[in-house]
C-alpha atoms as a PDB file:
ATOM      1  CA  MET A   1       4.072 -85.984  61.203  1.00  0.00           C
ATOM      2  CA  LYS A   2       3.272 -85.774  64.911  1.00  0.00           C
ATOM      3  CA  LYS A   3       3.959 -82.250  66.503  1.00  0.00           C
ATOM      4  CA  GLU A   4       6.186 -83.664  68.972  1.00  0.00           C
ATOM      5  CA  LYS A   5       8.096 -85.370  66.342  1.00  0.00           C
ATOM      6  CA  VAL A   6       8.077 -82.129  64.093  1.00  0.00           C
ATOM      7  CA  TYR A   7       9.581 -80.169  67.262  1.00  0.00           C
ATOM      8  CA  ALA A   8      12.131 -82.998  68.008  1.00  0.00           C
ATOM      9  CA  LEU A   9      13.425 -82.704  64.312  1.00  0.00           C
ATOM     10  CA  CYS A  10      13.371 -78.767  64.324  1.00  0.00           C
ATOM     11  CA  GLU A  11      15.242 -78.925  67.590  1.00  0.00           C
ATOM     12  CA  ALA A  12      18.042 -81.633  66.170  1.00  0.00           C
ATOM     13  CA  VAL A  13      18.501 -79.502  63.253  1.00  0.00           C
ATOM     14  CA  ALA A  14      18.879 -76.253  65.315  1.00  0.00           C
ATOM     15  CA  ASP A  15      21.445 -78.019  67.552  1.00  0.00           C
ATOM     16  CA  ILE A  16      23.193 -79.650  64.897  1.00  0.00           C
ATOM     17  CA  SER A  17      23.527 -76.357  62.848  1.00  0.00           C
ATOM     18  CA  TYR A  18      24.889 -74.504  66.329  1.00  0.00           C
ATOM     19  CA  ILE A  19      27.374 -77.164  66.831  1.00  0.00           C
ATOM     20  CA  ALA A  20      28.715 -77.149  63.079  1.00  0.00           C
ATOM     21  CA  ALA A  21      28.805 -73.158  63.522  1.00  0.00           C
ATOM     22  CA  LYS A  22      31.043 -73.737  66.616  1.00  0.00           C
ATOM     23  CA  GLU A  23      33.499 -76.156  64.819  1.00  0.00           C
ATOM     24  CA  ASN A  24      33.518 -73.912  61.633  1.00  0.00           C
ATOM     25  CA  TYR A  25      32.064 -76.503  59.632  1.00  0.00           C
ATOM     26  CA  ARG A  26      31.246 -75.281  56.025  1.00  0.00           C
ATOM     27  CA  THR A  27      30.402 -76.758  52.631  1.00  0.00           C
ATOM     28  CA  ASP A  28      30.732 -74.748  49.364  1.00  0.00           C
ATOM     29  CA  ASP A  29      27.056 -74.800  48.932  1.00  0.00           C
ATOM     30  CA  SER A  30      25.046 -73.526  51.783  1.00  0.00           C
ATOM     31  CA  ARG A  31      21.946 -75.130  50.447  1.00  0.00           C
ATOM     32  CA  GLU A  32      23.784 -78.385  50.465  1.00  0.00           C
ATOM     33  CA  MET A  33      25.093 -77.736  53.985  1.00  0.00           C
ATOM     34  CA  ILE A  34      21.413 -77.109  55.443  1.00  0.00           C
ATOM     35  CA  SER A  35      20.049 -80.326  53.414  1.00  0.00           C
ATOM     36  CA  GLN A  36      23.121 -82.145  54.975  1.00  0.00           C
ATOM     37  CA  PHE A  37      22.057 -80.991  58.586  1.00  0.00           C
ATOM     38  CA  ILE A  38      18.568 -81.907  57.808  1.00  0.00           C
ATOM     39  CA  GLN A  39      19.455 -85.254  56.903  1.00  0.00           C
ATOM     40  CA  TRP A  40      21.525 -85.675  59.998  1.00  0.00           C
ATOM     41  CA  ALA A  41      19.018 -84.533  62.093  1.00  0.00           C
ATOM     42  CA  ARG A  42      16.686 -87.258  60.712  1.00  0.00           C
ATOM     43  CA  GLU A  43      19.259 -89.877  61.370  1.00  0.00           C
ATOM     44  CA  PHE A  44      19.826 -88.775  64.955  1.00  0.00           C
ATOM     45  CA  GLU A  45      15.811 -88.912  65.547  1.00  0.00           C
ATOM     46  CA  TYR A  46      15.930 -92.491  64.021  1.00  0.00           C
ATOM     47  CA  LEU A  47      18.788 -93.717  65.895  1.00  0.00           C
ATOM     48  CA  HIS A  48      17.231 -92.305  69.289  1.00  0.00           C
ATOM     49  CA  LYS A  49      13.601 -92.894  68.316  1.00  0.00           C
ATOM     50  CA  GLY A  50      12.769 -94.856  71.251  1.00  0.00           C
ATOM     51  CA  ILE A  51      14.725 -92.705  73.826  1.00  0.00           C
ATOM     52  CA  GLU A  52      12.954 -90.380  76.428  1.00  0.00           C
ATOM     53  CA  TRP A  53      15.496 -88.124  77.351  1.00  0.00           C
ATOM     54  CA  GLY A  54      15.974 -88.164  81.211  1.00  0.00           C
ATOM     55  CA  ILE A  55      13.157 -90.943  81.575  1.00  0.00           C
ATOM     56  CA  ASN A  56      14.385 -94.347  80.103  1.00  0.00           C
ATOM     57  CA  SER A  57      17.830 -93.685  79.215  1.00  0.00           C
ATOM     58  CA  PRO A  58      20.940 -92.928  81.097  1.00  0.00           C
ATOM     59  CA  LEU A  59      22.078 -90.722  77.930  1.00  0.00           C
ATOM     60  CA  ASP A  60      22.167 -87.133  77.975  1.00  0.00           C
ATOM     61  CA  TYR A  61      20.605 -85.361  74.978  1.00  0.00           C
ATOM     62  CA  ILE A  62      23.051 -82.480  74.714  1.00  0.00           C
ATOM     63  CA  GLU A  63      25.902 -84.605  74.940  1.00  0.00           C
ATOM     64  CA  SER A  64      24.469 -87.287  72.573  1.00  0.00           C
ATOM     65  CA  ILE A  65      23.873 -84.763  69.718  1.00  0.00           C
ATOM     66  CA  ASP A  66      27.043 -82.932  70.237  1.00  0.00           C
ATOM     67  CA  TYR A  67      29.121 -86.247  69.767  1.00  0.00           C
ATOM     68  CA  PHE A  68      26.801 -87.346  66.733  1.00  0.00           C
ATOM     69  CA  THR A  69      27.444 -83.874  65.200  1.00  0.00           C
ATOM     70  CA  LEU A  70      31.316 -84.219  65.893  1.00  0.00           C
ATOM     71  CA  PHE A  71      31.311 -87.675  64.300  1.00  0.00           C
ATOM     72  CA  LYS A  72      29.483 -86.470  61.179  1.00  0.00           C
ATOM     73  CA  ILE A  73      31.580 -83.535  60.784  1.00  0.00           C
ATOM     74  CA  LYS A  74      34.799 -85.493  61.179  1.00  0.00           C
ATOM     75  CA  GLN A  75      33.317 -88.083  58.814  1.00  0.00           C
ATOM     76  CA  TRP A  76      32.562 -85.502  56.124  1.00  0.00           C
ATOM     77  CA  ARG A  77      35.717 -83.352  56.470  1.00  0.00           C
ATOM     78  CA  ASN A  78      37.674 -86.561  55.791  1.00  0.00           C
ATOM     79  CA  ALA A  79      35.438 -87.359  52.547  1.00  0.00           C
END
């Protein structure tokens, strides 16, 4: 995996974790929760793989990952 992709994935995991903490999102197993965040980050990166934020997209990264994470939290809370 290229250095840029590793950084983007790590950044997404960090942002998802931050947003989840703000939303008081928890699971019974902290390892399960971390694994979940990594999977969400992979999904987010896959969905936005062709986007260069601020260059070829009108989307804003922070808003996009915020909406994505809030959607995932709602999805899992209602599961």
